[in-house]
N, C-alpha and C. Protein backbone atom coordinates (compact mmCIF):
# COMPACT_ATOMS: atom_id res chain seq x y z
N UNK A 1 0.97 -1.28 0.04
CA UNK A 1 0.15 -0.06 0.06
C UNK A 1 0.74 1.33 0.14
N UNK A 2 2.08 1.16 0.30
CA UNK A 2 3.04 2.40 0.59
C UNK A 2 3.58 2.44 -1.01
N UNK A 3 3.19 1.99 -2.04
CA UNK A 3 3.86 2.12 -3.49
C UNK A 3 3.77 3.20 -4.12
N UNK A 4 3.85 3.00 -5.33
CA UNK A 4 3.86 4.44 -6.31
C UNK A 4 2.55 5.29 -6.14
N UNK A 5 2.68 6.63 -6.15
CA UNK A 5 1.44 7.45 -5.96
C UNK A 5 0.61 6.99 -7.47
N UNK A 6 -0.61 7.43 -7.03
CA UNK A 6 -1.48 7.08 -8.14
C UNK A 6 -1.38 8.05 -9.23
N UNK A 7 -1.21 7.87 -10.54
CA UNK A 7 -1.01 8.85 -11.72
C UNK A 7 -2.31 10.16 -11.54
N UNK A 8 -3.28 9.97 -11.52
CA UNK A 8 -4.19 10.88 -11.32
C UNK A 8 -3.91 11.95 -10.32
N UNK A 9 -3.24 11.61 -9.05
CA UNK A 9 -2.62 12.45 -7.71
C UNK A 9 -1.52 12.99 -8.36
N UNK A 10 -0.81 12.39 -9.11
CA UNK A 10 0.41 13.21 -9.35
C UNK A 10 0.27 14.20 -10.60
N UNK A 11 -0.73 14.01 -11.39
CA UNK A 11 -1.35 15.02 -12.30
C UNK A 11 -1.72 15.89 -11.47
N UNK A 12 -2.57 16.15 -10.58
CA UNK A 12 -3.19 17.17 -9.71
C UNK A 12 -2.00 17.85 -9.25
N UNK A 13 -0.74 17.00 -8.64
CA UNK A 13 0.02 17.82 -8.00
C UNK A 13 0.92 18.65 -9.08
N UNK A 14 1.21 18.23 -9.98
CA UNK A 14 1.68 18.86 -11.20
C UNK A 14 1.06 20.11 -11.58
N UNK A 15 -0.29 19.63 -11.80
CA UNK A 15 -1.10 21.17 -12.17
C UNK A 15 -1.02 22.14 -11.15
N UNK A 16 -0.85 21.85 -10.03
CA UNK A 16 -0.83 22.69 -8.82
C UNK A 16 0.51 23.54 -8.87
N UNK A 17 1.29 22.50 -8.93
CA UNK A 17 2.93 23.15 -9.21
C UNK A 17 2.88 24.20 -10.30
N UNK A 18 2.35 23.87 -11.55
CA UNK A 18 2.20 24.64 -12.94
C UNK A 18 1.65 26.05 -12.44
N UNK A 19 0.37 25.98 -11.82
CA UNK A 19 -0.41 27.09 -11.43
C UNK A 19 0.33 28.04 -10.50
N UNK A 20 1.01 27.49 -9.53
CA UNK A 20 1.82 28.26 -8.65
C UNK A 20 2.93 28.93 -9.24
N UNK A 21 3.55 28.26 -10.26
CA UNK A 21 4.79 28.86 -11.03
C UNK A 21 3.97 29.86 -12.16
N UNK A 22 2.81 29.54 -12.59
CA UNK A 22 2.45 30.76 -13.45
C UNK A 22 1.84 31.80 -12.78
N UNK A 23 1.12 31.58 -11.68
CA UNK A 23 0.97 32.94 -10.73
C UNK A 23 2.34 33.92 -10.49
N UNK A 24 3.48 33.26 -10.02
CA UNK A 24 4.56 33.80 -9.71
C UNK A 24 5.16 34.38 -10.81
N UNK A 25 5.12 33.86 -12.22
CA UNK A 25 5.64 34.44 -13.24
C UNK A 25 4.70 35.65 -13.79
N UNK A 26 3.29 35.49 -13.68
CA UNK A 26 2.28 36.69 -13.94
C UNK A 26 2.58 37.57 -12.93
N UNK A 27 2.75 37.45 -11.84
CA UNK A 27 3.09 38.41 -10.90
C UNK A 27 4.41 39.51 -11.01
N UNK A 28 5.48 38.70 -11.53
CA UNK A 28 6.50 39.36 -11.92
C UNK A 28 6.33 39.85 -13.16
N UNK A 29 5.73 39.61 -14.08
CA UNK A 29 5.41 40.51 -15.53
C UNK A 29 4.49 41.42 -15.34
N UNK A 30 3.53 41.59 -14.46
CA UNK A 30 2.90 42.49 -13.89
C UNK A 30 3.60 43.66 -13.26
N UNK A 31 4.56 43.28 -12.29
CA UNK A 31 5.29 44.13 -11.71
C UNK A 31 6.35 44.70 -12.56
N UNK A 32 6.64 44.22 -13.52
CA UNK A 32 7.87 44.81 -14.57
C UNK A 32 6.83 45.87 -15.42
N UNK A 33 5.56 45.22 -15.86
CA UNK A 33 4.81 46.19 -16.56
C UNK A 33 4.61 47.58 -15.88
N UNK A 34 4.04 47.42 -14.63
CA UNK A 34 3.97 48.76 -13.89
C UNK A 34 5.22 49.58 -13.66
N UNK A 35 6.28 48.76 -13.68
CA UNK A 35 7.52 49.66 -13.58
C UNK A 35 7.75 50.44 -14.67
N UNK A 36 7.52 49.85 -15.59
CA UNK A 36 7.79 50.17 -17.24
C UNK A 36 6.75 51.59 -17.54
N UNK A 37 5.73 51.21 -17.04
CA UNK A 37 4.78 52.08 -17.19
C UNK A 37 5.11 53.41 -16.35
N UNK A 38 5.36 53.28 -15.23
CA UNK A 38 6.00 54.66 -14.38
C UNK A 38 6.92 55.06 -14.96
N UNK A 39 7.97 54.42 -15.62
CA UNK A 39 9.14 55.21 -16.26
C UNK A 39 8.60 55.80 -17.34
N UNK A 40 7.62 55.06 -18.29
CA UNK A 40 7.28 55.97 -19.44
C UNK A 40 6.68 57.25 -18.86
N UNK A 41 5.60 57.19 -17.97
CA UNK A 41 4.98 58.41 -17.54
C UNK A 41 6.28 59.51 -17.05
N UNK A 42 7.28 59.16 -16.38
CA UNK A 42 8.05 60.16 -15.99
C UNK A 42 8.72 60.59 -17.21
N UNK A 43 9.22 59.85 -18.04
CA UNK A 43 9.86 60.36 -19.41
C UNK A 43 8.84 61.38 -20.10
N UNK A 44 7.56 61.02 -20.29
CA UNK A 44 6.73 61.74 -20.97
C UNK A 44 6.60 63.05 -20.34
N UNK A 45 6.70 63.36 -18.89
CA UNK A 45 6.50 64.13 -18.20
C UNK A 45 7.77 65.23 -18.50
N UNK A 46 8.96 64.49 -18.57
CA UNK A 46 10.13 64.98 -18.76
C UNK A 46 10.28 65.55 -20.27
N UNK A 47 9.95 64.84 -21.08
CA UNK A 47 9.59 65.24 -22.41
C UNK A 47 8.82 66.66 -22.62
N UNK A 48 7.64 66.88 -22.24
CA UNK A 48 6.98 67.71 -22.16
C UNK A 48 7.54 68.89 -21.56
N UNK A 49 8.36 68.55 -20.39
CA UNK A 49 8.97 69.68 -19.76
C UNK A 49 9.92 70.36 -20.44
N UNK A 50 10.70 69.35 -21.36
CA UNK A 50 11.76 70.04 -22.18
C UNK A 50 11.18 70.41 -23.19
N UNK A 51 10.14 70.17 -23.93
CA UNK A 51 9.34 70.72 -25.04
C UNK A 51 8.87 72.39 -24.54
N UNK A 52 8.19 72.28 -23.50
CA UNK A 52 7.84 73.68 -22.87
C UNK A 52 8.99 74.45 -23.00
N UNK A 53 10.13 74.14 -22.46
CA UNK A 53 11.36 74.85 -22.12
C UNK A 53 11.73 75.40 -23.36
N UNK A 54 11.94 74.39 -24.03
CA UNK A 54 12.28 74.93 -25.54
C UNK A 54 11.58 75.75 -26.32
N UNK A 55 10.56 75.78 -26.32
CA UNK A 55 9.59 76.40 -26.71
C UNK A 55 9.02 78.00 -26.33
N UNK A 56 9.29 77.75 -24.70
CA UNK A 56 9.35 79.23 -23.92
C UNK A 56 10.45 80.06 -23.98
N UNK A 57 11.69 79.57 -23.47
CA UNK A 57 12.61 80.05 -23.61
C UNK A 57 13.14 81.04 -24.97
N UNK A 58 13.23 80.65 -25.83
CA UNK A 58 13.22 81.29 -27.12
C UNK A 58 12.41 82.62 -27.29
N UNK A 59 11.18 82.27 -26.92
CA UNK A 59 10.27 83.35 -26.99
C UNK A 59 10.61 84.54 -25.91
N UNK A 60 10.79 83.85 -24.66
CA UNK A 60 11.32 84.77 -23.63
C UNK A 60 12.53 85.56 -23.98
N UNK A 61 13.46 84.72 -24.66
CA UNK A 61 14.76 85.24 -24.87
C UNK A 61 14.65 86.67 -25.90
N UNK A 62 13.77 86.02 -26.98
CA UNK A 62 13.44 87.17 -27.95
C UNK A 62 12.94 88.39 -27.45
N UNK A 63 11.78 88.16 -26.59
CA UNK A 63 11.04 89.26 -25.98
C UNK A 63 12.03 89.96 -25.28
N UNK A 64 12.90 89.28 -24.53
CA UNK A 64 13.80 90.17 -23.69
C UNK A 64 14.91 90.99 -24.35
N UNK A 65 15.21 90.21 -25.76
CA UNK A 65 16.14 91.09 -26.66
C UNK A 65 15.26 92.35 -27.15
N UNK A 66 14.14 92.22 -27.73
CA UNK A 66 13.16 93.10 -28.02
C UNK A 66 13.08 94.35 -27.15
N UNK A 67 12.88 93.90 -25.89
CA UNK A 67 12.57 95.20 -24.73
C UNK A 67 14.03 95.74 -24.48
N UNK A 68 15.24 95.05 -24.52
CA UNK A 68 16.42 95.59 -24.50
C UNK A 68 16.79 96.50 -25.68
N UNK A 69 16.41 95.96 -26.93
CA UNK A 69 16.56 97.01 -28.06
C UNK A 69 15.77 98.41 -27.93
N UNK A 70 14.48 97.95 -27.58
CA UNK A 70 13.46 99.07 -27.42
C UNK A 70 14.11 100.19 -26.42
N UNK A 71 14.73 99.63 -25.13
CA UNK A 71 15.11 100.53 -24.23
C UNK A 71 16.26 101.15 -24.75
N UNK A 72 17.18 100.65 -25.28
CA UNK A 72 18.51 101.13 -25.78
C UNK A 72 17.99 102.50 -26.91
N UNK A 73 17.01 102.14 -27.72
CA UNK A 73 16.55 103.24 -28.62
C UNK A 73 15.85 104.18 -27.81
N UNK A 74 15.26 104.07 -26.88
CA UNK A 74 14.60 105.23 -26.07
C UNK A 74 15.74 105.94 -25.30
N UNK A 75 16.55 105.45 -24.74
CA UNK A 75 17.65 105.91 -24.16
C UNK A 75 18.64 106.57 -24.90
N UNK A 76 18.60 106.08 -26.18
CA UNK A 76 19.50 106.72 -26.96
C UNK A 76 18.76 108.20 -27.75
N UNK A 77 17.51 108.01 -27.80
CA UNK A 77 16.89 109.17 -28.24
C UNK A 77 16.58 109.98 -26.97
N UNK A 78 16.67 109.94 -25.82
CA UNK A 78 16.70 110.65 -24.59
C UNK A 78 17.79 111.22 -24.58
N UNK A 79 18.89 110.64 -24.87
CA UNK A 79 20.12 111.29 -24.78
C UNK A 79 20.60 112.52 -26.04
N UNK A 80 19.89 112.10 -27.25
CA UNK A 80 19.96 112.87 -28.28
C UNK A 80 19.32 114.18 -28.21
N UNK A 81 18.08 114.08 -27.33
CA UNK A 81 17.47 115.26 -27.09
C UNK A 81 18.00 116.09 -26.24
N UNK A 82 18.77 115.44 -25.00
CA UNK A 82 19.22 116.35 -23.96
C UNK A 82 20.47 116.93 -24.60
N UNK A 83 21.08 116.55 -25.78
CA UNK A 83 22.22 117.24 -26.12
C UNK A 83 21.91 118.66 -26.79
């Protein structure tokens, strides 16, 4: 009576082991997917920030240049009138 396990019992145990391995694998895959999504979101927000700076900084720089040039003209006109 202490002989080999019943083939049906062995199949059930093997199915159980397989299900456990599959669950662990799925958990690992889901964890990696979540980590990848977090990295994507971070990189997307970084890209948006870079785009924003790339667009705004030249505009601000151009505006600053325009204001400086206008101030220079006004100052030159004021000096010319003062002389």
